[in-house]
PDB file of all heavy atoms in Angstrom:
ATOM      1  N   ALA A   1     -22.302   8.055  -8.901  1.00  0.00           N
ATOM      2  CA  ALA A   1     -22.122   6.994  -7.903  1.00  0.00           C
ATOM      3  C   ALA A   1     -20.925   7.293  -6.984  1.00  0.00           C
ATOM      4  O   ALA A   1     -21.013   7.169  -5.742  1.00  0.00           O
ATOM      5  CB  ALA A   1     -21.893   5.646  -8.616  1.00  0.00           C
ATOM      6  N   THR A   2     -19.793   7.721  -7.601  1.00  0.00           N
ATOM      7  CA  THR A   2     -18.586   7.987  -6.824  1.00  0.00           C
ATOM      8  C   THR A   2     -17.842   9.094  -7.529  1.00  0.00           C
ATOM      9  O   THR A   2     -17.648   8.996  -8.769  1.00  0.00           O
ATOM     10  CB  THR A   2     -17.730   6.761  -6.671  1.00  0.00           C
ATOM     11  OG1 THR A   2     -18.495   5.624  -6.227  1.00  0.00           O
ATOM     12  CG2 THR A   2     -16.613   7.022  -5.652  1.00  0.00           C
ATOM     13  N   ALA A   3     -17.309  10.056  -6.732  1.00  0.00           N
ATOM     14  CA  ALA A   3     -16.419  11.034  -7.270  1.00  0.00           C
ATOM     15  C   ALA A   3     -14.998  10.683  -6.799  1.00  0.00           C
ATOM     16  O   ALA A   3     -14.747  10.603  -5.580  1.00  0.00           O
ATOM     17  CB  ALA A   3     -16.787  12.461  -6.803  1.00  0.00           C
ATOM     18  N   LEU A   4     -14.117  10.411  -7.779  1.00  0.00           N
ATOM     19  CA  LEU A   4     -12.767  10.040  -7.491  1.00  0.00           C
ATOM     20  C   LEU A   4     -11.749  11.101  -7.883  1.00  0.00           C
ATOM     21  O   LEU A   4     -12.130  12.019  -8.603  1.00  0.00           O
ATOM     22  CB  LEU A   4     -12.393   8.737  -8.194  1.00  0.00           C
ATOM     23  CG  LEU A   4     -13.294   7.538  -7.911  1.00  0.00           C
ATOM     24  CD1 LEU A   4     -12.915   6.395  -8.883  1.00  0.00           C
ATOM     25  CD2 LEU A   4     -13.220   7.046  -6.491  1.00  0.00           C
ATOM     26  N   ALA A   5     -10.553  10.988  -7.449  1.00  0.00           N
ATOM     27  CA  ALA A   5      -9.440  11.829  -7.861  1.00  0.00           C
ATOM     28  C   ALA A   5      -8.258  10.928  -8.242  1.00  0.00           C
ATOM     29  O   ALA A   5      -7.961   9.939  -7.564  1.00  0.00           O
ATOM     30  CB  ALA A   5      -9.064  12.848  -6.818  1.00  0.00           C
ATOM     31  N   LEU A   6      -7.553  11.288  -9.341  1.00  0.00           N
ATOM     32  CA  LEU A   6      -6.351  10.587  -9.690  1.00  0.00           C
ATOM     33  C   LEU A   6      -5.183  11.428  -9.219  1.00  0.00           C
ATOM     34  O   LEU A   6      -5.068  12.649  -9.401  1.00  0.00           O
ATOM     35  CB  LEU A   6      -6.269  10.462 -11.175  1.00  0.00           C
ATOM     36  CG  LEU A   6      -4.993   9.785 -11.764  1.00  0.00           C
ATOM     37  CD1 LEU A   6      -4.846   8.395 -11.241  1.00  0.00           C
ATOM     38  CD2 LEU A   6      -4.953   9.840 -13.283  1.00  0.00           C
ATOM     39  N   HIS A   7      -4.197  10.745  -8.521  1.00  0.00           N
ATOM     40  CA  HIS A   7      -2.999  11.386  -8.037  1.00  0.00           C
ATOM     41  C   HIS A   7      -1.780  10.703  -8.601  1.00  0.00           C
ATOM     42  O   HIS A   7      -1.755   9.550  -8.890  1.00  0.00           O
ATOM     43  CB  HIS A   7      -2.983  11.223  -6.489  1.00  0.00           C
ATOM     44  CG  HIS A   7      -4.242  11.618  -5.769  1.00  0.00           C
ATOM     45  ND1 HIS A   7      -4.363  12.758  -5.062  1.00  0.00           N
ATOM     46  CD2 HIS A   7      -5.426  11.001  -5.639  1.00  0.00           C
ATOM     47  CE1 HIS A   7      -5.580  12.855  -4.514  1.00  0.00           C
ATOM     48  NE2 HIS A   7      -6.227  11.746  -4.903  1.00  0.00           N
ATOM     49  N   THR A   8      -0.738  11.481  -8.792  1.00  0.00           N
ATOM     50  CA  THR A   8       0.510  10.934  -9.303  1.00  0.00           C
ATOM     51  C   THR A   8       1.688  11.319  -8.332  1.00  0.00           C
ATOM     52  O   THR A   8       1.595  12.323  -7.616  1.00  0.00           O
ATOM     53  CB  THR A   8       0.876  11.388 -10.728  1.00  0.00           C
ATOM     54  OG1 THR A   8       0.999  12.801 -10.763  1.00  0.00           O
ATOM     55  CG2 THR A   8      -0.265  10.967 -11.651  1.00  0.00           C
ATOM     56  N   LEU A   9       2.760  10.573  -8.421  1.00  0.00           N
ATOM     57  CA  LEU A   9       3.909  10.752  -7.584  1.00  0.00           C
ATOM     58  C   LEU A   9       5.157  10.385  -8.349  1.00  0.00           C
ATOM     59  O   LEU A   9       5.169   9.450  -9.143  1.00  0.00           O
ATOM     60  CB  LEU A   9       3.766   9.846  -6.325  1.00  0.00           C
ATOM     61  CG  LEU A   9       4.996   9.631  -5.469  1.00  0.00           C
ATOM     62  CD1 LEU A   9       4.515   9.366  -3.996  1.00  0.00           C
ATOM     63  CD2 LEU A   9       5.762   8.404  -5.895  1.00  0.00           C
ATOM     64  N   GLU A  10       6.182  11.210  -8.167  1.00  0.00           N
ATOM     65  CA  GLU A  10       7.491  10.936  -8.847  1.00  0.00           C
ATOM     66  C   GLU A  10       8.579  10.754  -7.800  1.00  0.00           C
ATOM     67  O   GLU A  10       9.671  10.230  -8.173  1.00  0.00           O
ATOM     68  CB  GLU A  10       7.861  12.080  -9.773  1.00  0.00           C
ATOM     69  CG  GLU A  10       6.868  12.259 -10.895  1.00  0.00           C
ATOM     70  CD  GLU A  10       7.216  13.417 -11.855  1.00  0.00           C
ATOM     71  OE1 GLU A  10       8.235  14.091 -11.585  1.00  0.00           O
ATOM     72  OE2 GLU A  10       6.475  13.618 -12.836  1.00  0.00           O
ATOM     73  N   ASP A  11       8.395  11.131  -6.594  1.00  0.00           N
ATOM     74  CA  ASP A  11       9.339  10.909  -5.520  1.00  0.00           C
ATOM     75  C   ASP A  11       8.596  10.659  -4.264  1.00  0.00           C
ATOM     76  O   ASP A  11       7.667  11.446  -3.840  1.00  0.00           O
ATOM     77  CB  ASP A  11      10.289  12.130  -5.427  1.00  0.00           C
ATOM     78  CG  ASP A  11      11.410  11.927  -4.447  1.00  0.00           C
ATOM     79  OD1 ASP A  11      11.954  10.830  -4.407  1.00  0.00           O
ATOM     80  OD2 ASP A  11      11.756  12.867  -3.716  1.00  0.00           O
ATOM     81  N   VAL A  12       8.980   9.647  -3.491  1.00  0.00           N
ATOM     82  CA  VAL A  12       8.253   9.262  -2.311  1.00  0.00           C
ATOM     83  C   VAL A  12       8.759   9.964  -1.078  1.00  0.00           C
ATOM     84  O   VAL A  12       9.969  10.053  -0.817  1.00  0.00           O
ATOM     85  CB  VAL A  12       8.344   7.713  -2.038  1.00  0.00           C
ATOM     86  CG1 VAL A  12       7.611   7.327  -0.812  1.00  0.00           C
ATOM     87  CG2 VAL A  12       7.883   6.940  -3.236  1.00  0.00           C
ATOM     88  N   SER A  13       7.864  10.565  -0.312  1.00  0.00           N
ATOM     89  CA  SER A  13       8.188  11.084   1.006  1.00  0.00           C
ATOM     90  C   SER A  13       7.935  10.059   2.080  1.00  0.00           C
ATOM     91  O   SER A  13       6.803   9.450   2.052  1.00  0.00           O
ATOM     92  CB  SER A  13       7.363  12.320   1.294  1.00  0.00           C
ATOM     93  OG  SER A  13       7.637  13.385   0.363  1.00  0.00           O
ATOM     94  N   ALA A  14       8.875   9.756   2.904  1.00  0.00           N
ATOM     95  CA  ALA A  14       8.669   8.708   3.938  1.00  0.00           C
ATOM     96  C   ALA A  14       7.542   9.099   4.842  1.00  0.00           C
ATOM     97  O   ALA A  14       7.401  10.272   5.210  1.00  0.00           O
ATOM     98  CB  ALA A  14       9.981   8.512   4.742  1.00  0.00           C
ATOM     99  N   PRO A  15       6.775   8.150   5.315  1.00  0.00           N
ATOM    100  CA  PRO A  15       5.723   8.453   6.311  1.00  0.00           C
ATOM    101  C   PRO A  15       6.291   9.146   7.560  1.00  0.00           C
ATOM    102  O   PRO A  15       7.396   8.739   7.975  1.00  0.00           O
ATOM    103  CB  PRO A  15       5.137   7.081   6.651  1.00  0.00           C
ATOM    104  CG  PRO A  15       5.453   6.204   5.469  1.00  0.00           C
ATOM    105  CD  PRO A  15       6.756   6.700   4.976  1.00  0.00           C
ATOM    106  N   ALA A  16       5.587  10.096   8.110  1.00  0.00           N
ATOM    107  CA  ALA A  16       6.089  10.792   9.276  1.00  0.00           C
ATOM    108  C   ALA A  16       6.214   9.861  10.466  1.00  0.00           C
ATOM    109  O   ALA A  16       7.181   9.948  11.246  1.00  0.00           O
ATOM    110  CB  ALA A  16       5.127  11.909   9.636  1.00  0.00           C
ATOM    111  N   ARG A  17       5.309   8.835  10.533  1.00  0.00           N
ATOM    112  CA  ARG A  17       5.457   7.831  11.616  1.00  0.00           C
ATOM    113  C   ARG A  17       5.382   6.493  10.934  1.00  0.00           C
ATOM    114  O   ARG A  17       4.279   5.865  10.853  1.00  0.00           O
ATOM    115  CB  ARG A  17       4.325   8.014  12.642  1.00  0.00           C
ATOM    116  CG  ARG A  17       4.537   9.249  13.542  1.00  0.00           C
ATOM    117  CD  ARG A  17       3.486   9.387  14.579  1.00  0.00           C
ATOM    118  NE  ARG A  17       2.222   9.734  13.997  1.00  0.00           N
ATOM    119  CZ  ARG A  17       1.074   9.891  14.724  1.00  0.00           C
ATOM    120  NH1 ARG A  17       1.101   9.710  16.022  1.00  0.00           N
ATOM    121  NH2 ARG A  17      -0.045  10.193  14.147  1.00  0.00           N
ATOM    122  N   PRO A  18       6.455   5.860  10.499  1.00  0.00           N
ATOM    123  CA  PRO A  18       6.414   4.618   9.817  1.00  0.00           C
ATOM    124  C   PRO A  18       5.852   3.546  10.733  1.00  0.00           C
ATOM    125  O   PRO A  18       6.078   3.543  11.943  1.00  0.00           O
ATOM    126  CB  PRO A  18       7.904   4.312   9.550  1.00  0.00           C
ATOM    127  CG  PRO A  18       8.584   5.644   9.595  1.00  0.00           C
ATOM    128  CD  PRO A  18       7.817   6.455  10.583  1.00  0.00           C
ATOM    129  N   ALA A  19       5.031   2.689  10.131  1.00  0.00           N
ATOM    130  CA  ALA A  19       4.401   1.609  10.910  1.00  0.00           C
ATOM    131  C   ALA A  19       5.384   0.456  11.191  1.00  0.00           C
ATOM    132  O   ALA A  19       6.338   0.292  10.377  1.00  0.00           O
ATOM    133  CB  ALA A  19       3.199   1.066  10.070  1.00  0.00           C
ATOM    134  N   PRO A  20       5.205  -0.226  12.229  1.00  0.00           N
ATOM    135  CA  PRO A  20       6.050  -1.435  12.479  1.00  0.00           C
ATOM    136  C   PRO A  20       5.782  -2.470  11.430  1.00  0.00           C
ATOM    137  O   PRO A  20       4.663  -2.557  10.865  1.00  0.00           O
ATOM    138  CB  PRO A  20       5.643  -1.888  13.883  1.00  0.00           C
ATOM    139  CG  PRO A  20       4.235  -1.348  14.059  1.00  0.00           C
ATOM    140  CD  PRO A  20       4.195  -0.034  13.295  1.00  0.00           C
ATOM    141  N   GLY A  21       6.731  -3.279  11.128  1.00  0.00           N
ATOM    142  CA  GLY A  21       6.525  -4.392  10.189  1.00  0.00           C
ATOM    143  C   GLY A  21       7.281  -4.112   8.933  1.00  0.00           C
ATOM    144  O   GLY A  21       8.169  -3.241   8.837  1.00  0.00           O
ATOM    145  N   ARG A  22       6.901  -4.868   7.882  1.00  0.00           N
ATOM    146  CA  ARG A  22       7.627  -4.757   6.575  1.00  0.00           C
ATOM    147  C   ARG A  22       6.669  -5.130   5.446  1.00  0.00           C
ATOM    148  O   ARG A  22       5.675  -5.829   5.605  1.00  0.00           O
ATOM    149  CB  ARG A  22       8.839  -5.675   6.512  1.00  0.00           C
ATOM    150  CG  ARG A  22       8.451  -7.153   6.588  1.00  0.00           C
ATOM    151  CD  ARG A  22       9.646  -8.046   6.652  1.00  0.00           C
ATOM    152  NE  ARG A  22       9.298  -9.462   6.655  1.00  0.00           N
ATOM    153  CZ  ARG A  22       9.060 -10.214   5.566  1.00  0.00           C
ATOM    154  NH1 ARG A  22       9.171  -9.689   4.375  1.00  0.00           N
ATOM    155  NH2 ARG A  22       8.719 -11.488   5.698  1.00  0.00           N
ATOM    156  N   LEU A  23       6.998  -4.694   4.212  1.00  0.00           N
ATOM    157  CA  LEU A  23       6.271  -5.079   3.077  1.00  0.00           C
ATOM    158  C   LEU A  23       6.843  -6.355   2.488  1.00  0.00           C
ATOM    159  O   LEU A  23       8.065  -6.587   2.508  1.00  0.00           O
ATOM    160  CB  LEU A  23       6.421  -3.996   1.970  1.00  0.00           C
ATOM    161  CG  LEU A  23       5.516  -4.207   0.748  1.00  0.00           C
ATOM    162  CD1 LEU A  23       4.073  -3.851   1.002  1.00  0.00           C
ATOM    163  CD2 LEU A  23       6.097  -3.394  -0.464  1.00  0.00           C
ATOM    164  N   ARG A  24       5.946  -7.265   2.040  1.00  0.00           N
ATOM    165  CA  ARG A  24       6.420  -8.471   1.340  1.00  0.00           C
ATOM    166  C   ARG A  24       5.387  -8.799   0.267  1.00  0.00           C
ATOM    167  O   ARG A  24       4.300  -8.326   0.279  1.00  0.00           O
ATOM    168  CB  ARG A  24       6.552  -9.648   2.322  1.00  0.00           C
ATOM    169  CG  ARG A  24       5.338 -10.081   3.043  1.00  0.00           C
ATOM    170  CD  ARG A  24       5.552 -11.347   3.853  1.00  0.00           C
ATOM    171  NE  ARG A  24       4.355 -11.776   4.609  1.00  0.00           N
ATOM    172  CZ  ARG A  24       3.369 -12.484   4.098  1.00  0.00           C
ATOM    173  NH1 ARG A  24       3.396 -12.821   2.787  1.00  0.00           N
ATOM    174  NH2 ARG A  24       2.315 -12.808   4.822  1.00  0.00           N
ATOM    175  N   VAL A  25       5.846  -9.588  -0.692  1.00  0.00           N
ATOM    176  CA  VAL A  25       4.947 -10.074  -1.767  1.00  0.00           C
ATOM    177  C   VAL A  25       4.025 -11.148  -1.176  1.00  0.00           C
ATOM    178  O   VAL A  25       4.452 -12.013  -0.484  1.00  0.00           O
ATOM    179  CB  VAL A  25       5.781 -10.574  -2.947  1.00  0.00           C
ATOM    180  CG1 VAL A  25       4.866 -11.113  -4.045  1.00  0.00           C
ATOM    181  CG2 VAL A  25       6.676  -9.518  -3.477  1.00  0.00           C
ATOM    182  N   ALA A  26       2.763 -11.024  -1.530  1.00  0.00           N
ATOM    183  CA  ALA A  26       1.825 -12.040  -1.094  1.00  0.00           C
ATOM    184  C   ALA A  26       2.122 -13.341  -1.754  1.00  0.00           C
ATOM    185  O   ALA A  26       2.413 -13.447  -2.930  1.00  0.00           O
ATOM    186  CB  ALA A  26       0.383 -11.607  -1.391  1.00  0.00           C
ATOM    187  N   GLY A  27       1.958 -14.492  -0.989  1.00  0.00           N
ATOM    188  CA  GLY A  27       2.245 -15.774  -1.533  1.00  0.00           C
ATOM    189  C   GLY A  27       1.023 -16.701  -1.441  1.00  0.00           C
ATOM    190  O   GLY A  27      -0.084 -16.253  -1.033  1.00  0.00           O
ATOM    191  N   ALA A  28       1.250 -17.901  -1.846  1.00  0.00           N
ATOM    192  CA  ALA A  28       0.129 -18.895  -1.895  1.00  0.00           C
ATOM    193  C   ALA A  28      -0.568 -19.064  -0.512  1.00  0.00           C
ATOM    194  O   ALA A  28      -1.756 -19.240  -0.436  1.00  0.00           O
ATOM    195  CB  ALA A  28       0.588 -20.230  -2.440  1.00  0.00           C
ATOM    196  N   SER A  29       0.249 -18.959   0.571  1.00  0.00           N
ATOM    197  CA  SER A  29      -0.332 -19.165   1.890  1.00  0.00           C
ATOM    198  C   SER A  29      -1.219 -17.993   2.299  1.00  0.00           C
ATOM    199  O   SER A  29      -2.003 -18.097   3.268  1.00  0.00           O
ATOM    200  CB  SER A  29       0.823 -19.324   2.889  1.00  0.00           C
ATOM    201  OG  SER A  29       1.615 -18.147   2.944  1.00  0.00           O
ATOM    202  N   ASP A  30      -1.125 -16.861   1.593  1.00  0.00           N
ATOM    203  CA  ASP A  30      -1.982 -15.696   1.885  1.00  0.00           C
ATOM    204  C   ASP A  30      -3.260 -15.681   1.111  1.00  0.00           C
ATOM    205  O   ASP A  30      -4.140 -14.798   1.368  1.00  0.00           O
ATOM    206  CB  ASP A  30      -1.210 -14.382   1.572  1.00  0.00           C
ATOM    207  CG  ASP A  30       0.095 -14.276   2.313  1.00  0.00           C
ATOM    208  OD1 ASP A  30       0.038 -14.255   3.546  1.00  0.00           O
ATOM    209  OD2 ASP A  30       1.164 -14.127   1.655  1.00  0.00           O
ATOM    210  N   ARG A  31      -3.447 -16.589   0.181  1.00  0.00           N
ATOM    211  CA  ARG A  31      -4.517 -16.524  -0.813  1.00  0.00           C
ATOM    212  C   ARG A  31      -5.882 -16.441  -0.155  1.00  0.00           C
ATOM    213  O   ARG A  31      -6.706 -15.552  -0.451  1.00  0.00           O
ATOM    214  CB  ARG A  31      -4.477 -17.749  -1.713  1.00  0.00           C
ATOM    215  CG  ARG A  31      -5.489 -17.662  -2.857  1.00  0.00           C
ATOM    216  CD  ARG A  31      -5.416 -18.869  -3.708  1.00  0.00           C
ATOM    217  NE  ARG A  31      -4.085 -19.078  -4.284  1.00  0.00           N
ATOM    218  CZ  ARG A  31      -3.785 -18.678  -5.582  1.00  0.00           C
ATOM    219  NH1 ARG A  31      -4.687 -18.112  -6.282  1.00  0.00           N
ATOM    220  NH2 ARG A  31      -2.585 -18.900  -6.015  1.00  0.00           N
ATOM    221  N   GLU A  32      -6.207 -17.293   0.778  1.00  0.00           N
ATOM    222  CA  GLU A  32      -7.490 -17.272   1.398  1.00  0.00           C
ATOM    223  C   GLU A  32      -7.798 -15.989   2.107  1.00  0.00           C
ATOM    224  O   GLU A  32      -8.851 -15.387   1.971  1.00  0.00           O
ATOM    225  CB  GLU A  32      -7.627 -18.471   2.419  1.00  0.00           C
ATOM    226  CG  GLU A  32      -9.011 -18.607   3.030  1.00  0.00           C
ATOM    227  CD  GLU A  32      -9.115 -19.782   3.976  1.00  0.00           C
ATOM    228  OE1 GLU A  32      -8.247 -20.619   3.974  1.00  0.00           O
ATOM    229  OE2 GLU A  32     -10.151 -19.879   4.716  1.00  0.00           O
ATOM    230  N   LEU A  33      -6.829 -15.458   2.857  1.00  0.00           N
ATOM    231  CA  LEU A  33      -7.035 -14.206   3.555  1.00  0.00           C
ATOM    232  C   LEU A  33      -7.187 -13.044   2.529  1.00  0.00           C
ATOM    233  O   LEU A  33      -8.008 -12.180   2.712  1.00  0.00           O
ATOM    234  CB  LEU A  33      -5.873 -13.907   4.450  1.00  0.00           C
ATOM    235  CG  LEU A  33      -5.907 -12.620   5.270  1.00  0.00           C
ATOM    236  CD1 LEU A  33      -7.118 -12.547   6.188  1.00  0.00           C
ATOM    237  CD2 LEU A  33      -4.589 -12.403   6.083  1.00  0.00           C
ATOM    238  N   MET A  34      -6.386 -13.055   1.510  1.00  0.00           N
ATOM    239  CA  MET A  34      -6.442 -11.964   0.480  1.00  0.00           C
ATOM    240  C   MET A  34      -7.805 -12.016  -0.204  1.00  0.00           C
ATOM    241  O   MET A  34      -8.312 -10.888  -0.548  1.00  0.00           O
ATOM    242  CB  MET A  34      -5.267 -12.162  -0.502  1.00  0.00           C
ATOM    243  CG  MET A  34      -3.878 -11.925   0.036  1.00  0.00           C
ATOM    244  SD  MET A  34      -3.569 -10.305   0.748  1.00  0.00           S
ATOM    245  CE  MET A  34      -3.786 -10.673   2.535  1.00  0.00           C
TER     246      MET A  34
END
């Protein structure tokens, strides 16, 4: 059905072109969209 690969990481390399915006924890107001 699907061929997957598992990847692991121990140290993060920053994206070459970081996207605008920020990460935040999803809250109750996000529920319907999520």
